[in-house]
Amino acid sequence: MSTATITSKGQITLPKDVREDLGLKEGDKVDFEKIGERYVIRPRNRSAIELAGVLHRPGMRAMTVEEMDEALGIALASDDERIRAGR
């Protein structure tokens, strides 16, 4: 486990092993996500190419563009209905 100290300005320096494990370099950004009582640090240094297939579920076929358009239309209509009803 690595430890960092918070400065008077609320800043920390990520330990070298953490930066290396996350593949972080100078200028990279990280997201902090609260999950329950913990925070998770996620690097934002991934390219779109590296993310290809990340949402793929084995055994399920990919949706066509037309199916995506239809699903998005249904979701937007549902949101519109909910907003107009004041819910």
PDB file of N, CA and C in Angstrom:
ATOM      1  N   MET A   1       0.844  -1.182   0.000  1.00  0.00           N
ATOM      2  CA  MET A   1       0.000   0.000   0.000  1.00  0.00           C
ATOM      3  C   MET A   1       0.885   1.239   0.000  1.00  0.00           C
ATOM      4  N   SER A   2       0.493   2.220  -0.773  1.00  0.00           N
ATOM      5  CA  SER A   2       1.229   3.475  -0.867  1.00  0.00           C
ATOM      6  C   SER A   2       0.491   4.550  -0.097  1.00  0.00           C
ATOM      7  N   THR A   3       1.235   5.538   0.365  1.00  0.00           N
ATOM      8  CA  THR A   3       0.661   6.621   1.152  1.00  0.00           C
ATOM      9  C   THR A   3       1.085   7.961   0.562  1.00  0.00           C
ATOM     10  N   ALA A   4       0.185   8.942   0.596  1.00  0.00           N
ATOM     11  CA  ALA A   4       0.486  10.300   0.157  1.00  0.00           C
ATOM     12  C   ALA A   4       0.041  11.255   1.257  1.00  0.00           C
ATOM     13  N   THR A   5       0.676  12.408   1.330  1.00  0.00           N
ATOM     14  CA  THR A   5       0.344  13.424   2.325  1.00  0.00           C
ATOM     15  C   THR A   5      -0.357  14.585   1.641  1.00  0.00           C
ATOM     16  N   ILE A   6      -1.403  15.094   2.263  1.00  0.00           N
ATOM     17  CA  ILE A   6      -2.147  16.231   1.721  1.00  0.00           C
ATOM     18  C   ILE A   6      -1.462  17.522   2.156  1.00  0.00           C
ATOM     19  N   THR A   7      -1.219  18.427   1.209  1.00  0.00           N
ATOM     20  CA  THR A   7      -0.593  19.711   1.518  1.00  0.00           C
ATOM     21  C   THR A   7      -1.638  20.680   2.066  1.00  0.00           C
ATOM     22  N   SER A   8      -1.190  21.848   2.491  1.00  0.00           N
ATOM     23  CA  SER A   8      -2.104  22.865   3.007  1.00  0.00           C
ATOM     24  C   SER A   8      -3.069  23.354   1.935  1.00  0.00           C
ATOM     25  N   LYS A   9      -2.722  23.152   0.664  1.00  0.00           N
ATOM     26  CA  LYS A   9      -3.596  23.538  -0.454  1.00  0.00           C
ATOM     27  C   LYS A   9      -4.512  22.398  -0.874  1.00  0.00           C
ATOM     28  N   GLY A  10      -4.475  21.268  -0.151  1.00  0.00           N
ATOM     29  CA  GLY A  10      -5.330  20.129  -0.491  1.00  0.00           C
ATOM     30  C   GLY A  10      -4.795  19.285  -1.621  1.00  0.00           C
ATOM     31  N   GLN A  11      -3.515  19.414  -1.932  1.00  0.00           N
ATOM     32  CA  GLN A  11      -2.919  18.665  -3.033  1.00  0.00           C
ATOM     33  C   GLN A  11      -2.158  17.452  -2.509  1.00  0.00           C
ATOM     34  N   ILE A  12      -2.040  16.445  -3.370  1.00  0.00           N
ATOM     35  CA  ILE A  12      -1.227  15.273  -3.047  1.00  0.00           C
ATOM     36  C   ILE A  12      -0.349  14.950  -4.252  1.00  0.00           C
ATOM     37  N   THR A  13       0.729  14.255  -3.997  1.00  0.00           N
ATOM     38  CA  THR A  13       1.548  13.712  -5.063  1.00  0.00           C
ATOM     39  C   THR A  13       1.320  12.218  -5.051  1.00  0.00           C
ATOM     40  N   LEU A  14       0.860  11.676  -6.171  1.00  0.00           N
ATOM     41  CA  LEU A  14       0.655  10.231  -6.234  1.00  0.00           C
ATOM     42  C   LEU A  14       2.009   9.534  -6.184  1.00  0.00           C
ATOM     43  N   PRO A  15       2.132   8.533  -5.339  1.00  0.00           N
ATOM     44  CA  PRO A  15       3.395   7.794  -5.285  1.00  0.00           C
ATOM     45  C   PRO A  15       3.757   7.194  -6.643  1.00  0.00           C
ATOM     46  N   LYS A  16       5.059   7.074  -6.891  1.00  0.00           N
ATOM     47  CA  LYS A  16       5.558   6.599  -8.175  1.00  0.00           C
ATOM     48  C   LYS A  16       4.952   5.260  -8.568  1.00  0.00           C
ATOM     49  N   ASP A  17       4.847   4.310  -7.629  1.00  0.00           N
ATOM     50  CA  ASP A  17       4.315   2.992  -7.980  1.00  0.00           C
ATOM     51  C   ASP A  17       2.853   3.072  -8.417  1.00  0.00           C
ATOM     52  N   VAL A  18       2.090   3.987  -7.822  1.00  0.00           N
ATOM     53  CA  VAL A  18       0.685   4.168  -8.206  1.00  0.00           C
ATOM     54  C   VAL A  18       0.612   4.759  -9.613  1.00  0.00           C
ATOM     55  N   ARG A  19       1.424   5.786  -9.872  1.00  0.00           N
ATOM     56  CA  ARG A  19       1.450   6.400 -11.216  1.00  0.00           C
ATOM     57  C   ARG A  19       1.822   5.373 -12.271  1.00  0.00           C
ATOM     58  N   GLU A  20       2.822   4.553 -11.963  1.00  0.00           N
ATOM     59  CA  GLU A  20       3.251   3.534 -12.923  1.00  0.00           C
ATOM     60  C   GLU A  20       2.160   2.487 -13.142  1.00  0.00           C
ATOM     61  N   ASP A  21       1.528   2.026 -12.052  1.00  0.00           N
ATOM     62  CA  ASP A  21       0.462   1.028 -12.181  1.00  0.00           C
ATOM     63  C   ASP A  21      -0.697   1.540 -13.026  1.00  0.00           C
ATOM     64  N   LEU A  22      -1.009   2.845 -12.885  1.00  0.00           N
ATOM     65  CA  LEU A  22      -2.121   3.434 -13.629  1.00  0.00           C
ATOM     66  C   LEU A  22      -1.689   3.954 -15.000  1.00  0.00           C
ATOM     67  N   GLY A  23      -0.397   3.905 -15.278  1.00  0.00           N
ATOM     68  CA  GLY A  23       0.100   4.395 -16.566  1.00  0.00           C
ATOM     69  C   GLY A  23      -0.015   5.900 -16.692  1.00  0.00           C
ATOM     70  N   LEU A  24       0.096   6.614 -15.574  1.00  0.00           N
ATOM     71  CA  LEU A  24      -0.065   8.069 -15.581  1.00  0.00           C
ATOM     72  C   LEU A  24       1.265   8.768 -15.830  1.00  0.00           C
ATOM     73  N   LYS A  25       1.173   9.883 -16.562  1.00  0.00           N
ATOM     74  CA  LYS A  25       2.347  10.720 -16.776  1.00  0.00           C
ATOM     75  C   LYS A  25       1.928  12.170 -16.592  1.00  0.00           C
ATOM     76  N   GLU A  26       2.889  13.062 -16.586  1.00  0.00           N
ATOM     77  CA  GLU A  26       2.617  14.478 -16.368  1.00  0.00           C
ATOM     78  C   GLU A  26       1.545  14.980 -17.332  1.00  0.00           C
ATOM     79  N   GLY A  27       0.580  15.696 -16.799  1.00  0.00           N
ATOM     80  CA  GLY A  27      -0.494  16.263 -17.613  1.00  0.00           C
ATOM     81  C   GLY A  27      -1.724  15.390 -17.740  1.00  0.00           C
ATOM     82  N   ASP A  28      -1.610  14.108 -17.362  1.00  0.00           N
ATOM     83  CA  ASP A  28      -2.778  13.222 -17.413  1.00  0.00           C
ATOM     84  C   ASP A  28      -3.808  13.648 -16.372  1.00  0.00           C
ATOM     85  N   LYS A  29      -5.047  13.305 -16.615  1.00  0.00           N
ATOM     86  CA  LYS A  29      -6.130  13.604 -15.680  1.00  0.00           C
ATOM     87  C   LYS A  29      -6.628  12.313 -15.046  1.00  0.00           C
ATOM     88  N   VAL A  30      -7.174  12.434 -13.832  1.00  0.00           N
ATOM     89  CA  VAL A  30      -7.783  11.294 -13.157  1.00  0.00           C
ATOM     90  C   VAL A  30      -9.164  11.695 -12.673  1.00  0.00           C
ATOM     91  N   ASP A  31     -10.058  10.736 -12.614  1.00  0.00           N
ATOM     92  CA  ASP A  31     -11.393  10.935 -12.061  1.00  0.00           C
ATOM     93  C   ASP A  31     -11.431  10.303 -10.688  1.00  0.00           C
ATOM     94  N   PHE A  32     -12.184  10.913  -9.778  1.00  0.00           N
ATOM     95  CA  PHE A  32     -12.418  10.362  -8.455  1.00  0.00           C
ATOM     96  C   PHE A  32     -13.893  10.000  -8.383  1.00  0.00           C
ATOM     97  N   GLU A  33     -14.196   8.739  -8.133  1.00  0.00           N
ATOM     98  CA  GLU A  33     -15.577   8.270  -8.073  1.00  0.00           C
ATOM     99  C   GLU A  33     -15.855   7.712  -6.685  1.00  0.00           C
ATOM    100  N   LYS A  34     -16.927   8.206  -6.047  1.00  0.00           N
ATOM    101  CA  LYS A  34     -17.308   7.703  -4.734  1.00  0.00           C
ATOM    102  C   LYS A  34     -18.194   6.478  -4.913  1.00  0.00           C
ATOM    103  N   ILE A  35     -17.782   5.380  -4.314  1.00  0.00           N
ATOM    104  CA  ILE A  35     -18.540   4.134  -4.345  1.00  0.00           C
ATOM    105  C   ILE A  35     -18.741   3.713  -2.904  1.00  0.00           C
ATOM    106  N   GLY A  36     -19.960   3.906  -2.406  1.00  0.00           N
ATOM    107  CA  GLY A  36     -20.222   3.639  -0.996  1.00  0.00           C
ATOM    108  C   GLY A  36     -19.439   4.619  -0.143  1.00  0.00           C
ATOM    109  N   GLU A  37     -18.614   4.096   0.732  1.00  0.00           N
ATOM    110  CA  GLU A  37     -17.802   4.939   1.617  1.00  0.00           C
ATOM    111  C   GLU A  37     -16.375   5.101   1.099  1.00  0.00           C
ATOM    112  N   ARG A  38     -16.079   4.610  -0.100  1.00  0.00           N
ATOM    113  CA  ARG A  38     -14.723   4.655  -0.652  1.00  0.00           C
ATOM    114  C   ARG A  38     -14.678   5.485  -1.922  1.00  0.00           C
ATOM    115  N   TYR A  39     -13.490   5.924  -2.259  1.00  0.00           N
ATOM    116  CA  TYR A  39     -13.258   6.614  -3.521  1.00  0.00           C
ATOM    117  C   TYR A  39     -12.358   5.764  -4.396  1.00  0.00           C
ATOM    118  N   VAL A  40     -12.643   5.781  -5.696  1.00  0.00           N
ATOM    119  CA  VAL A  40     -11.841   5.059  -6.676  1.00  0.00           C
ATOM    120  C   VAL A  40     -11.211   6.104  -7.593  1.00  0.00           C
ATOM    121  N   ILE A  41      -9.913   5.953  -7.861  1.00  0.00           N
ATOM    122  CA  ILE A  41      -9.215   6.845  -8.793  1.00  0.00           C
ATOM    123  C   ILE A  41      -9.141   6.134 -10.134  1.00  0.00           C
ATOM    124  N   ARG A  42      -9.644   6.807 -11.170  1.00  0.00           N
ATOM    125  CA  ARG A  42      -9.619   6.228 -12.511  1.00  0.00           C
ATOM    126  C   ARG A  42      -8.834   7.155 -13.437  1.00  0.00           C
ATOM    127  N   PRO A  43      -7.844   6.621 -14.130  1.00  0.00           N
ATOM    128  CA  PRO A  43      -7.103   7.449 -15.082  1.00  0.00           C
ATOM    129  C   PRO A  43      -7.976   7.821 -16.272  1.00  0.00           C
ATOM    130  N   ARG A  44      -7.772   9.026 -16.795  1.00  0.00           N
ATOM    131  CA  ARG A  44      -8.493   9.467 -17.987  1.00  0.00           C
ATOM    132  C   ARG A  44      -7.537   9.557 -19.168  1.00  0.00           C
ATOM    133  N   ASN A  45      -6.510   8.723 -19.158  1.00  0.00           N
ATOM    134  CA  ASN A  45      -5.490   8.805 -20.192  1.00  0.00           C
ATOM    135  C   ASN A  45      -5.630   7.725 -21.250  1.00  0.00           C
ATOM    136  N   ARG A  46      -6.781   7.148 -21.354  1.00  0.00           N
ATOM    137  CA  ARG A  46      -6.992   6.089 -22.334  1.00  0.00           C
ATOM    138  C   ARG A  46      -7.535   6.689 -23.624  1.00  0.00           C
ATOM    139  N   SER A  47      -7.073   6.166 -24.732  1.00  0.00           N
ATOM    140  CA  SER A  47      -7.583   6.631 -26.023  1.00  0.00           C
ATOM    141  C   SER A  47      -8.845   5.856 -26.363  1.00  0.00           C
ATOM    142  N   ALA A  48      -9.606   6.372 -27.296  1.00  0.00           N
ATOM    143  CA  ALA A  48     -10.832   5.699 -27.724  1.00  0.00           C
ATOM    144  C   ALA A  48     -10.521   4.319 -28.288  1.00  0.00           C
ATOM    145  N   ILE A  49      -9.394   4.177 -28.948  1.00  0.00           N
ATOM    146  CA  ILE A  49      -8.998   2.883 -29.524  1.00  0.00           C
ATOM    147  C   ILE A  49      -8.842   1.838 -28.420  1.00  0.00           C
ATOM    148  N   GLU A  50      -8.254   2.225 -27.274  1.00  0.00           N
ATOM    149  CA  GLU A  50      -8.062   1.286 -26.167  1.00  0.00           C
ATOM    150  C   GLU A  50      -9.390   0.835 -25.563  1.00  0.00           C
ATOM    151  N   LEU A  51     -10.426   1.664 -25.730  1.00  0.00           N
ATOM    152  CA  LEU A  51     -11.733   1.352 -25.153  1.00  0.00           C
ATOM    153  C   LEU A  51     -12.605   0.505 -26.069  1.00  0.00           C
ATOM    154  N   ALA A  52     -12.151   0.267 -27.276  1.00  0.00           N
ATOM    155  CA  ALA A  52     -12.942  -0.516 -28.232  1.00  0.00           C
ATOM    156  C   ALA A  52     -13.296  -1.868 -27.639  1.00  0.00           C
ATOM    157  N   GLY A  53     -14.584  -2.189 -27.664  1.00  0.00           N
ATOM    158  CA  GLY A  53     -15.044  -3.482 -27.176  1.00  0.00           C
ATOM    159  C   GLY A  53     -15.278  -3.557 -25.688  1.00  0.00           C
ATOM    160  N   VAL A  54     -15.058  -2.465 -24.958  1.00  0.00           N
ATOM    161  CA  VAL A  54     -15.178  -2.515 -23.504  1.00  0.00           C
ATOM    162  C   VAL A  54     -16.604  -2.834 -23.051  1.00  0.00           C
ATOM    163  N   LEU A  55     -17.598  -2.493 -23.848  1.00  0.00           N
ATOM    164  CA  LEU A  55     -18.986  -2.753 -23.480  1.00  0.00           C
ATOM    165  C   LEU A  55     -19.534  -4.040 -24.076  1.00  0.00           C
ATOM    166  N   HIS A  56     -18.718  -4.755 -24.795  1.00  0.00           N
ATOM    167  CA  HIS A  56     -19.167  -5.990 -25.426  1.00  0.00           C
ATOM    168  C   HIS A  56     -19.476  -7.052 -24.379  1.00  0.00           C
ATOM    169  N   ARG A  57     -20.598  -7.697 -24.537  1.00  0.00           N
ATOM    170  CA  ARG A  57     -20.971  -8.807 -23.654  1.00  0.00           C
ATOM    171  C   ARG A  57     -20.836 -10.093 -24.445  1.00  0.00           C
ATOM    172  N   PRO A  58     -19.943 -10.976 -24.027  1.00  0.00           N
ATOM    173  CA  PRO A  58     -19.768 -12.240 -24.757  1.00  0.00           C
ATOM    174  C   PRO A  58     -21.097 -12.963 -24.931  1.00  0.00           C
ATOM    175  N   GLY A  59     -21.317 -13.483 -26.117  1.00  0.00           N
ATOM    176  CA  GLY A  59     -22.540 -14.215 -26.404  1.00  0.00           C
ATOM    177  C   GLY A  59     -23.675 -13.347 -26.917  1.00  0.00           C
ATOM    178  N   MET A  60     -23.528 -12.039 -26.844  1.00  0.00           N
ATOM    179  CA  MET A  60     -24.570 -11.141 -27.346  1.00  0.00           C
ATOM    180  C   MET A  60     -24.074 -10.473 -28.622  1.00  0.00           C
ATOM    181  N   ARG A  61     -24.951 -10.373 -29.601  1.00  0.00           N
ATOM    182  CA  ARG A  61     -24.558  -9.715 -30.841  1.00  0.00           C
ATOM    183  C   ARG A  61     -24.617  -8.198 -30.653  1.00  0.00           C
ATOM    184  N   ALA A  62     -23.829  -7.502 -31.415  1.00  0.00           N
ATOM    185  CA  ALA A  62     -23.827  -6.043 -31.366  1.00  0.00           C
ATOM    186  C   ALA A  62     -25.113  -5.505 -31.988  1.00  0.00           C
ATOM    187  N   MET A  63     -25.598  -4.382 -31.470  1.00  0.00           N
ATOM    188  CA  MET A  63     -26.784  -3.746 -32.031  1.00  0.00           C
ATOM    189  C   MET A  63     -26.419  -3.043 -33.328  1.00  0.00           C
ATOM    190  N   THR A  64     -27.362  -2.985 -34.232  1.00  0.00           N
ATOM    191  CA  THR A  64     -27.160  -2.209 -35.457  1.00  0.00           C
ATOM    192  C   THR A  64     -27.382  -0.739 -35.121  1.00  0.00           C
ATOM    193  N   VAL A  65     -26.949   0.137 -36.015  1.00  0.00           N
ATOM    194  CA  VAL A  65     -27.167   1.569 -35.827  1.00  0.00           C
ATOM    195  C   VAL A  65     -28.662   1.856 -35.752  1.00  0.00           C
ATOM    196  N   GLU A  66     -29.443   1.183 -36.557  1.00  0.00           N
ATOM    197  CA  GLU A  66     -30.890   1.385 -36.551  1.00  0.00           C
ATOM    198  C   GLU A  66     -31.487   0.983 -35.199  1.00  0.00           C
ATOM    199  N   GLU A  67     -31.018  -0.132 -34.645  1.00  0.00           N
ATOM    200  CA  GLU A  67     -31.517  -0.575 -33.329  1.00  0.00           C
ATOM    201  C   GLU A  67     -31.119   0.414 -32.232  1.00  0.00           C
ATOM    202  N   MET A  68     -29.898   0.959 -32.334  1.00  0.00           N
ATOM    203  CA  MET A  68     -29.461   1.967 -31.359  1.00  0.00           C
ATOM    204  C   MET A  68     -30.318   3.215 -31.462  1.00  0.00           C
ATOM    205  N   ASP A  69     -30.600   3.656 -32.700  1.00  0.00           N
ATOM    206  CA  ASP A  69     -31.447   4.834 -32.913  1.00  0.00           C
ATOM    207  C   ASP A  69     -32.833   4.622 -32.314  1.00  0.00           C
ATOM    208  N   GLU A  70     -33.397   3.445 -32.534  1.00  0.00           N
ATOM    209  CA  GLU A  70     -34.725   3.134 -32.004  1.00  0.00           C
ATOM    210  C   GLU A  70     -34.716   3.125 -30.473  1.00  0.00           C
ATOM    211  N   ALA A  71     -33.716   2.489 -29.885  1.00  0.00           N
ATOM    212  CA  ALA A  71     -33.630   2.428 -28.421  1.00  0.00           C
ATOM    213  C   ALA A  71     -33.460   3.824 -27.829  1.00  0.00           C
ATOM    214  N   LEU A  72     -32.649   4.655 -28.470  1.00  0.00           N
ATOM    215  CA  LEU A  72     -32.453   6.023 -28.009  1.00  0.00           C
ATOM    216  C   LEU A  72     -33.746   6.822 -28.127  1.00  0.00           C
ATOM    217  N   GLY A  73     -34.470   6.646 -29.218  1.00  0.00           N
ATOM    218  CA  GLY A  73     -35.754   7.332 -29.393  1.00  0.00           C
ATOM    219  C   GLY A  73     -36.752   6.954 -28.312  1.00  0.00           C
ATOM    220  N   ILE A  74     -36.810   5.675 -27.975  1.00  0.00           N
ATOM    221  CA  ILE A  74     -37.726   5.212 -26.917  1.00  0.00           C
ATOM    222  C   ILE A  74     -37.327   5.822 -25.582  1.00  0.00           C
ATOM    223  N   ALA A  75     -36.026   5.832 -25.284  1.00  0.00           N
ATOM    224  CA  ALA A  75     -35.552   6.392 -24.012  1.00  0.00           C
ATOM    225  C   ALA A  75     -35.843   7.883 -23.926  1.00  0.00           C
ATOM    226  N   LEU A  76     -35.612   8.603 -25.027  1.00  0.00           N
ATOM    227  CA  LEU A  76     -35.880  10.048 -25.029  1.00  0.00           C
ATOM    228  C   LEU A  76     -37.369  10.337 -24.893  1.00  0.00           C
ATOM    229  N   ALA A  77     -38.213   9.553 -25.546  1.00  0.00           N
ATOM    230  CA  ALA A  77     -39.659   9.746 -25.432  1.00  0.00           C
ATOM    231  C   ALA A  77     -40.110   9.492 -24.001  1.00  0.00           C
ATOM    232  N   SER A  78     -39.542   8.477 -23.372  1.00  0.00           N
ATOM    233  CA  SER A  78     -39.874   8.160 -21.986  1.00  0.00           C
ATOM    234  C   SER A  78     -39.454   9.295 -21.057  1.00  0.00           C
ATOM    235  N   ASP A  79     -38.240   9.827 -21.260  1.00  0.00           N
ATOM    236  CA  ASP A  79     -37.769  10.953 -20.444  1.00  0.00           C
ATOM    237  C   ASP A  79     -38.655  12.177 -20.657  1.00  0.00           C
ATOM    238  N   ASP A  80     -39.011  12.447 -21.910  1.00  0.00           N
ATOM    239  CA  ASP A  80     -39.859  13.592 -22.214  1.00  0.00           C
ATOM    240  C   ASP A  80     -41.207  13.463 -21.505  1.00  0.00           C
ATOM    241  N   GLU A  81     -41.777  12.266 -21.557  1.00  0.00           N
ATOM    242  CA  GLU A  81     -43.065  12.012 -20.898  1.00  0.00           C
ATOM    243  C   GLU A  81     -42.944  12.225 -19.373  1.00  0.00           C
ATOM    244  N   ARG A  82     -41.888  11.725 -18.800  1.00  0.00           N
ATOM    245  CA  ARG A  82     -41.663  11.859 -17.350  1.00  0.00           C
ATOM    246  C   ARG A  82     -41.497  13.328 -16.968  1.00  0.00           C
ATOM    247  N   ILE A  83     -40.725  14.079 -17.760  1.00  0.00           N
ATOM    248  CA  ILE A  83     -40.496  15.490 -17.463  1.00  0.00           C
ATOM    249  C   ILE A  83     -41.784  16.285 -17.584  1.00  0.00           C
ATOM    250  N   ARG A  84     -42.548  16.036 -18.629  1.00  0.00           N
ATOM    251  CA  ARG A  84     -43.812  16.759 -18.823  1.00  0.00           C
ATOM    252  C   ARG A  84     -44.827  16.443 -17.725  1.00  0.00           C
ATOM    253  N   ALA A  85     -44.747  15.234 -17.182  1.00  0.00           N
ATOM    254  CA  ALA A  85     -45.669  14.839 -16.109  1.00  0.00           C
ATOM    255  C   ALA A  85     -45.204  15.398 -14.760  1.00  0.00           C
ATOM    256  N   GLY A  86     -43.988  15.986 -14.740  1.00  0.00           N
ATOM    257  CA  GLY A  86     -43.493  16.573 -13.497  1.00  0.00           C
ATOM    258  C   GLY A  86     -42.965  15.549 -12.497  1.00  0.00           C
ATOM    259  N   ARG A  87     -42.584  14.390 -12.976  1.00  0.00           N
ATOM    260  CA  ARG A  87     -42.048  13.365 -12.078  1.00  0.00           C
ATOM    261  C   ARG A  87     -40.554  13.415 -12.007  1.00  0.00           C
TER     262      ARG A  87
END
